[in-house]
PDB file of all heavy atoms in Angstrom:
ATOM      1  N   SER A   1      15.681   5.357  -1.766  1.00  0.00           N
ATOM      2  CA  SER A   1      15.530   4.323  -2.764  1.00  0.00           C
ATOM      3  C   SER A   1      14.480   3.367  -2.569  1.00  0.00           C
ATOM      4  O   SER A   1      14.075   3.049  -1.400  1.00  0.00           O
ATOM      5  CB  SER A   1      16.890   3.527  -2.770  1.00  0.00           C
ATOM      6  OG  SER A   1      16.754   2.424  -3.590  1.00  0.00           O
ATOM      7  N   ARG A   2      13.778   2.903  -3.693  1.00  0.00           N
ATOM      8  CA  ARG A   2      12.666   1.994  -3.546  1.00  0.00           C
ATOM      9  C   ARG A   2      13.167   0.654  -3.780  1.00  0.00           C
ATOM     10  O   ARG A   2      12.339  -0.361  -3.828  1.00  0.00           O
ATOM     11  CB  ARG A   2      11.611   2.456  -4.506  1.00  0.00           C
ATOM     12  CG  ARG A   2      10.976   3.781  -4.321  1.00  0.00           C
ATOM     13  CD  ARG A   2       9.891   4.130  -5.334  1.00  0.00           C
ATOM     14  NE  ARG A   2       8.827   3.279  -5.307  1.00  0.00           N
ATOM     15  CZ  ARG A   2       7.771   3.322  -6.209  1.00  0.00           C
ATOM     16  NH1 ARG A   2       7.770   4.279  -7.070  1.00  0.00           N
ATOM     17  NH2 ARG A   2       6.838   2.358  -6.042  1.00  0.00           N
ATOM     18  N   HIS A   3      14.431   0.440  -3.817  1.00  0.00           N
ATOM     19  CA  HIS A   3      15.054  -0.845  -4.136  1.00  0.00           C
ATOM     20  C   HIS A   3      14.569  -1.803  -2.943  1.00  0.00           C
ATOM     21  O   HIS A   3      14.856  -1.516  -1.764  1.00  0.00           O
ATOM     22  CB  HIS A   3      16.577  -0.869  -4.292  1.00  0.00           C
ATOM     23  CG  HIS A   3      17.190  -2.181  -4.380  1.00  0.00           C
ATOM     24  ND1 HIS A   3      17.051  -2.969  -5.576  1.00  0.00           N
ATOM     25  CD2 HIS A   3      17.935  -2.975  -3.510  1.00  0.00           C
ATOM     26  CE1 HIS A   3      17.792  -4.033  -5.460  1.00  0.00           C
ATOM     27  NE2 HIS A   3      18.228  -4.059  -4.144  1.00  0.00           N
ATOM     28  N   GLY A   4      14.107  -3.003  -3.247  1.00  0.00           N
ATOM     29  CA  GLY A   4      13.837  -3.961  -2.204  1.00  0.00           C
ATOM     30  C   GLY A   4      12.545  -3.677  -1.574  1.00  0.00           C
ATOM     31  O   GLY A   4      12.267  -4.335  -0.550  1.00  0.00           O
ATOM     32  N   ILE A   5      11.691  -2.752  -2.012  1.00  0.00           N
ATOM     33  CA  ILE A   5      10.387  -2.341  -1.456  1.00  0.00           C
ATOM     34  C   ILE A   5       9.233  -2.875  -2.251  1.00  0.00           C
ATOM     35  O   ILE A   5       9.185  -2.654  -3.555  1.00  0.00           O
ATOM     36  CB  ILE A   5      10.313  -0.839  -1.202  1.00  0.00           C
ATOM     37  CG1 ILE A   5      11.460  -0.432  -0.301  1.00  0.00           C
ATOM     38  CG2 ILE A   5       8.890  -0.435  -0.608  1.00  0.00           C
ATOM     39  CD1 ILE A   5      11.433  -0.949   1.102  1.00  0.00           C
ATOM     40  N   LYS A   6       8.243  -3.317  -1.702  1.00  0.00           N
ATOM     41  CA  LYS A   6       7.065  -3.786  -2.330  1.00  0.00           C
ATOM     42  C   LYS A   6       5.915  -2.900  -1.830  1.00  0.00           C
ATOM     43  O   LYS A   6       5.713  -2.861  -0.670  1.00  0.00           O
ATOM     44  CB  LYS A   6       6.669  -5.277  -2.239  1.00  0.00           C
ATOM     45  CG  LYS A   6       5.446  -5.727  -2.935  1.00  0.00           C
ATOM     46  CD  LYS A   6       5.327  -7.281  -2.809  1.00  0.00           C
ATOM     47  CE  LYS A   6       5.226  -7.707  -1.296  1.00  0.00           C
ATOM     48  NZ  LYS A   6       5.026  -9.159  -1.377  1.00  0.00           N
ATOM     49  N   ARG A   7       5.023  -2.286  -2.669  1.00  0.00           N
ATOM     50  CA  ARG A   7       3.906  -1.548  -2.282  1.00  0.00           C
ATOM     51  C   ARG A   7       2.578  -2.025  -2.824  1.00  0.00           C
ATOM     52  O   ARG A   7       2.491  -2.024  -4.092  1.00  0.00           O
ATOM     53  CB  ARG A   7       4.229  -0.044  -2.540  1.00  0.00           C
ATOM     54  CG  ARG A   7       3.055   0.919  -2.205  1.00  0.00           C
ATOM     55  CD  ARG A   7       3.425   2.393  -2.579  1.00  0.00           C
ATOM     56  NE  ARG A   7       4.385   2.972  -1.710  1.00  0.00           N
ATOM     57  CZ  ARG A   7       4.132   3.768  -0.794  1.00  0.00           C
ATOM     58  NH1 ARG A   7       2.917   4.066  -0.377  1.00  0.00           N
ATOM     59  NH2 ARG A   7       5.145   4.254  -0.072  1.00  0.00           N
ATOM     60  N   ILE A   8       1.662  -2.276  -1.969  1.00  0.00           N
ATOM     61  CA  ILE A   8       0.280  -2.651  -2.484  1.00  0.00           C
ATOM     62  C   ILE A   8      -0.526  -1.452  -2.300  1.00  0.00           C
ATOM     63  O   ILE A   8      -0.634  -0.954  -1.225  1.00  0.00           O
ATOM     64  CB  ILE A   8      -0.200  -3.814  -1.728  1.00  0.00           C
ATOM     65  CG1 ILE A   8       0.679  -4.973  -1.727  1.00  0.00           C
ATOM     66  CG2 ILE A   8      -1.674  -4.206  -2.217  1.00  0.00           C
ATOM     67  CD1 ILE A   8       0.257  -6.104  -0.837  1.00  0.00           C
ATOM     68  N   GLN A   9      -1.071  -0.846  -3.368  1.00  0.00           N
ATOM     69  CA  GLN A   9      -1.664   0.370  -3.388  1.00  0.00           C
ATOM     70  C   GLN A   9      -3.184   0.350  -3.522  1.00  0.00           C
ATOM     71  O   GLN A   9      -3.797  -0.474  -3.930  1.00  0.00           O
ATOM     72  CB  GLN A   9      -1.190   1.323  -4.556  1.00  0.00           C
ATOM     73  CG  GLN A   9       0.248   1.514  -4.621  1.00  0.00           C
ATOM     74  CD  GLN A   9       0.775   2.520  -5.627  1.00  0.00           C
ATOM     75  OE1 GLN A   9       0.302   3.635  -5.688  1.00  0.00           O
ATOM     76  NE2 GLN A   9       1.640   2.150  -6.511  1.00  0.00           N
ATOM     77  N   GLY A  10      -3.805   1.350  -2.752  1.00  0.00           N
ATOM     78  CA  GLY A  10      -5.243   1.662  -2.912  1.00  0.00           C
ATOM     79  C   GLY A  10      -6.150   0.684  -2.206  1.00  0.00           C
ATOM     80  O   GLY A  10      -7.278   0.468  -2.796  1.00  0.00           O
ATOM     81  N   VAL A  11      -5.707   0.123  -1.087  1.00  0.00           N
ATOM     82  CA  VAL A  11      -6.606  -0.920  -0.370  1.00  0.00           C
ATOM     83  C   VAL A  11      -7.633  -0.102   0.402  1.00  0.00           C
ATOM     84  O   VAL A  11      -7.258   0.947   1.164  1.00  0.00           O
ATOM     85  CB  VAL A  11      -5.811  -1.917   0.559  1.00  0.00           C
ATOM     86  CG1 VAL A  11      -6.718  -2.789   1.242  1.00  0.00           C
ATOM     87  CG2 VAL A  11      -4.778  -2.507  -0.171  1.00  0.00           C
ATOM     88  N   ALA A  12      -8.940  -0.435   0.208  1.00  0.00           N
ATOM     89  CA  ALA A  12      -9.879   0.237   1.025  1.00  0.00           C
ATOM     90  C   ALA A  12     -10.060  -0.254   2.450  1.00  0.00           C
ATOM     91  O   ALA A  12     -10.065  -1.408   2.631  1.00  0.00           O
ATOM     92  CB  ALA A  12     -11.253   0.064   0.206  1.00  0.00           C
ATOM     93  N   TYR A  13     -10.079   0.729   3.349  1.00  0.00           N
ATOM     94  CA  TYR A  13     -10.328   0.380   4.694  1.00  0.00           C
ATOM     95  C   TYR A  13     -11.628   0.785   5.262  1.00  0.00           C
ATOM     96  O   TYR A  13     -12.103   0.569   6.410  1.00  0.00           O
ATOM     97  CB  TYR A  13      -9.162   0.978   5.623  1.00  0.00           C
ATOM     98  CG  TYR A  13      -9.147   2.482   5.769  1.00  0.00           C
ATOM     99  CD1 TYR A  13      -9.825   3.049   6.667  1.00  0.00           C
ATOM    100  CD2 TYR A  13      -8.344   3.182   5.032  1.00  0.00           C
ATOM    101  CE1 TYR A  13      -9.806   4.441   6.782  1.00  0.00           C
ATOM    102  CE2 TYR A  13      -8.187   4.692   5.220  1.00  0.00           C
ATOM    103  CZ  TYR A  13      -8.992   5.224   6.079  1.00  0.00           C
ATOM    104  OH  TYR A  13      -8.917   6.576   6.252  1.00  0.00           O
ATOM    105  N   ALA A  14     -12.436   1.680   4.514  1.00  0.00           N
ATOM    106  CA  ALA A  14     -13.804   2.149   4.795  1.00  0.00           C
ATOM    107  C   ALA A  14     -14.579   2.508   3.556  1.00  0.00           C
ATOM    108  O   ALA A  14     -14.008   2.196   2.446  1.00  0.00           O
ATOM    109  CB  ALA A  14     -13.598   3.357   5.733  1.00  0.00           C
ATOM    110  N   GLN A  15     -15.662   3.069   3.560  1.00  0.00           N
ATOM    111  CA  GLN A  15     -16.589   3.355   2.479  1.00  0.00           C
ATOM    112  C   GLN A  15     -16.380   4.703   1.875  1.00  0.00           C
ATOM    113  O   GLN A  15     -17.288   5.099   1.181  1.00  0.00           O
ATOM    114  CB  GLN A  15     -18.037   3.034   2.875  1.00  0.00           C
ATOM    115  CG  GLN A  15     -18.217   1.612   3.506  1.00  0.00           C
ATOM    116  CD  GLN A  15     -17.855   0.536   2.520  1.00  0.00           C
ATOM    117  OE1 GLN A  15     -18.259   0.533   1.317  1.00  0.00           O
ATOM    118  NE2 GLN A  15     -17.074  -0.461   3.007  1.00  0.00           N
ATOM    119  N   GLY A  16     -15.368   5.380   2.202  1.00  0.00           N
ATOM    120  CA  GLY A  16     -15.351   6.829   1.743  1.00  0.00           C
ATOM    121  C   GLY A  16     -14.544   7.137   0.487  1.00  0.00           C
ATOM    122  O   GLY A  16     -14.041   8.144   0.222  1.00  0.00           O
ATOM    123  N   GLY A  17     -14.357   6.049  -0.342  1.00  0.00           N
ATOM    124  CA  GLY A  17     -13.719   6.164  -1.639  1.00  0.00           C
ATOM    125  C   GLY A  17     -12.291   6.347  -1.493  1.00  0.00           C
ATOM    126  O   GLY A  17     -11.583   5.863  -0.530  1.00  0.00           O
ATOM    127  N   GLU A  18     -11.647   7.127  -2.388  1.00  0.00           N
ATOM    128  CA  GLU A  18     -10.235   7.351  -2.377  1.00  0.00           C
ATOM    129  C   GLU A  18      -9.668   7.836  -0.989  1.00  0.00           C
ATOM    130  O   GLU A  18      -8.495   7.389  -0.743  1.00  0.00           O
ATOM    131  CB  GLU A  18      -9.798   8.340  -3.511  1.00  0.00           C
ATOM    132  CG  GLU A  18      -8.336   8.773  -3.534  1.00  0.00           C
ATOM    133  CD  GLU A  18      -7.355   7.650  -3.717  1.00  0.00           C
ATOM    134  OE1 GLU A  18      -7.781   6.479  -4.255  1.00  0.00           O
ATOM    135  OE2 GLU A  18      -6.137   7.816  -3.410  1.00  0.00           O
ATOM    136  N   ARG A  19     -10.429   8.616  -0.360  1.00  0.00           N
ATOM    137  CA  ARG A  19      -9.873   9.126   0.829  1.00  0.00           C
ATOM    138  C   ARG A  19      -9.764   8.201   1.941  1.00  0.00           C
ATOM    139  O   ARG A  19      -9.367   8.367   3.147  1.00  0.00           O
ATOM    140  CB  ARG A  19     -10.793  10.426   1.267  1.00  0.00           C
ATOM    141  CG  ARG A  19     -10.741  11.620   0.508  1.00  0.00           C
ATOM    142  CD  ARG A  19      -9.272  12.096   0.064  1.00  0.00           C
ATOM    143  NE  ARG A  19      -8.370  12.161   1.067  1.00  0.00           N
ATOM    144  CZ  ARG A  19      -7.073  12.441   0.852  1.00  0.00           C
ATOM    145  NH1 ARG A  19      -6.579  12.645  -0.266  1.00  0.00           N
ATOM    146  NH2 ARG A  19      -6.228  12.421   1.965  1.00  0.00           N
ATOM    147  N   ASN A  20     -10.506   6.986   1.780  1.00  0.00           N
ATOM    148  CA  ASN A  20     -10.438   5.910   2.749  1.00  0.00           C
ATOM    149  C   ASN A  20      -9.633   4.718   2.219  1.00  0.00           C
ATOM    150  O   ASN A  20     -10.185   3.586   2.161  1.00  0.00           O
ATOM    151  CB  ASN A  20     -11.885   5.578   3.267  1.00  0.00           C
ATOM    152  CG  ASN A  20     -12.492   6.516   4.164  1.00  0.00           C
ATOM    153  OD1 ASN A  20     -13.807   6.484   4.295  1.00  0.00           O
ATOM    154  ND2 ASN A  20     -11.701   7.201   4.860  1.00  0.00           N
ATOM    155  N   THR A  21      -8.542   4.961   1.634  1.00  0.00           N
ATOM    156  CA  THR A  21      -7.680   3.995   1.191  1.00  0.00           C
ATOM    157  C   THR A  21      -6.324   3.969   1.829  1.00  0.00           C
ATOM    158  O   THR A  21      -5.979   5.073   2.372  1.00  0.00           O
ATOM    159  CB  THR A  21      -7.452   3.994  -0.426  1.00  0.00           C
ATOM    160  OG1 THR A  21      -6.861   5.310  -0.757  1.00  0.00           O
ATOM    161  CG2 THR A  21      -8.821   3.868  -1.126  1.00  0.00           C
ATOM    162  N   LEU A  22      -5.502   2.919   1.711  1.00  0.00           N
ATOM    163  CA  LEU A  22      -4.257   2.829   2.173  1.00  0.00           C
ATOM    164  C   LEU A  22      -3.303   2.034   1.310  1.00  0.00           C
ATOM    165  O   LEU A  22      -3.866   1.258   0.582  1.00  0.00           O
ATOM    166  CB  LEU A  22      -4.324   2.335   3.700  1.00  0.00           C
ATOM    167  CG  LEU A  22      -5.032   0.900   3.760  1.00  0.00           C
ATOM    168  CD1 LEU A  22      -4.118  -0.273   3.498  1.00  0.00           C
ATOM    169  CD2 LEU A  22      -5.453   0.859   5.349  1.00  0.00           C
ATOM    170  N   ASP A  23      -2.005   2.253   1.458  1.00  0.00           N
ATOM    171  CA  ASP A  23      -1.045   1.496   0.893  1.00  0.00           C
ATOM    172  C   ASP A  23      -0.351   0.618   1.958  1.00  0.00           C
ATOM    173  O   ASP A  23      -0.149   0.863   3.126  1.00  0.00           O
ATOM    174  CB  ASP A  23       0.117   2.299   0.235  1.00  0.00           C
ATOM    175  CG  ASP A  23      -0.390   3.090  -0.936  1.00  0.00           C
ATOM    176  OD1 ASP A  23      -1.615   2.872  -1.365  1.00  0.00           O
ATOM    177  OD2 ASP A  23       0.296   4.026  -1.461  1.00  0.00           O
ATOM    178  N   ILE A  24       0.140  -0.532   1.611  1.00  0.00           N
ATOM    179  CA  ILE A  24       0.878  -1.557   2.385  1.00  0.00           C
ATOM    180  C   ILE A  24       2.146  -1.753   1.868  1.00  0.00           C
ATOM    181  O   ILE A  24       2.359  -2.096   0.651  1.00  0.00           O
ATOM    182  CB  ILE A  24       0.066  -2.843   2.610  1.00  0.00           C
ATOM    183  CG1 ILE A  24      -1.220  -2.565   3.110  1.00  0.00           C
ATOM    184  CG2 ILE A  24       0.960  -3.960   3.407  1.00  0.00           C
ATOM    185  CD1 ILE A  24      -2.168  -3.784   3.183  1.00  0.00           C
ATOM    186  N   ILE A  25       3.207  -1.400   2.627  1.00  0.00           N
ATOM    187  CA  ILE A  25       4.596  -1.379   2.044  1.00  0.00           C
ATOM    188  C   ILE A  25       5.486  -2.499   2.908  1.00  0.00           C
ATOM    189  O   ILE A  25       5.499  -2.365   4.137  1.00  0.00           O
ATOM    190  CB  ILE A  25       5.389  -0.060   2.225  1.00  0.00           C
ATOM    191  CG1 ILE A  25       4.467   1.041   1.633  1.00  0.00           C
ATOM    192  CG2 ILE A  25       6.701  -0.054   1.683  1.00  0.00           C
ATOM    193  CD1 ILE A  25       3.491   1.850   2.447  1.00  0.00           C
ATOM    194  N   THR A  26       6.099  -3.437   2.166  1.00  0.00           N
ATOM    195  CA  THR A  26       6.890  -4.384   2.935  1.00  0.00           C
ATOM    196  C   THR A  26       8.093  -4.534   2.103  1.00  0.00           C
ATOM    197  O   THR A  26       8.278  -4.098   0.979  1.00  0.00           O
ATOM    198  CB  THR A  26       6.177  -5.681   2.944  1.00  0.00           C
ATOM    199  OG1 THR A  26       5.866  -6.240   1.589  1.00  0.00           O
ATOM    200  CG2 THR A  26       4.714  -5.717   3.612  1.00  0.00           C
ATOM    201  N   SER A  27       9.089  -5.411   2.618  1.00  0.00           N
ATOM    202  CA  SER A  27      10.265  -5.725   1.896  1.00  0.00           C
ATOM    203  C   SER A  27       9.863  -6.763   0.784  1.00  0.00           C
ATOM    204  O   SER A  27       9.023  -7.633   0.945  1.00  0.00           O
ATOM    205  CB  SER A  27      11.245  -6.361   2.790  1.00  0.00           C
ATOM    206  OG  SER A  27      12.371  -6.943   2.020  1.00  0.00           O
ATOM    207  N   SER A  28      10.457  -6.607  -0.245  1.00  0.00           N
ATOM    208  CA  SER A  28      10.265  -7.541  -1.470  1.00  0.00           C
ATOM    209  C   SER A  28      11.152  -8.663  -1.486  1.00  0.00           C
ATOM    210  O   SER A  28      11.098  -9.640  -2.204  1.00  0.00           O
ATOM    211  CB  SER A  28      10.315  -6.838  -2.757  1.00  0.00           C
ATOM    212  OG  SER A  28      11.556  -6.193  -3.013  1.00  0.00           O
ATOM    213  N   ASP A  29      12.220  -8.786  -0.525  1.00  0.00           N
ATOM    214  CA  ASP A  29      13.262  -9.572  -0.543  1.00  0.00           C
ATOM    215  C   ASP A  29      13.046 -10.798   0.264  1.00  0.00           C
ATOM    216  O   ASP A  29      13.629 -11.951   0.014  1.00  0.00           O
ATOM    217  CB  ASP A  29      14.572  -9.031  -0.011  1.00  0.00           C
ATOM    218  CG  ASP A  29      15.058  -7.825  -0.815  1.00  0.00           C
ATOM    219  OD1 ASP A  29      14.736  -7.850  -2.097  1.00  0.00           O
ATOM    220  OD2 ASP A  29      15.694  -7.057  -0.306  1.00  0.00           O
ATOM    221  N   ALA A  30      12.145 -10.772   1.250  1.00  0.00           N
ATOM    222  CA  ALA A  30      11.828 -11.958   2.070  1.00  0.00           C
ATOM    223  C   ALA A  30      10.441 -11.974   2.564  1.00  0.00           C
ATOM    224  O   ALA A  30       9.947 -10.914   2.839  1.00  0.00           O
ATOM    225  CB  ALA A  30      12.865 -11.945   3.180  1.00  0.00           C
TER     226      ALA A  30
END
């Protein structure tokens, strides 16, 4: 279940385009 989950998508960590991206997943409740 994705209930209570927050996902920030497509953050760049290097210069390689889509292959150098990441998501950050945390709780959305606190």
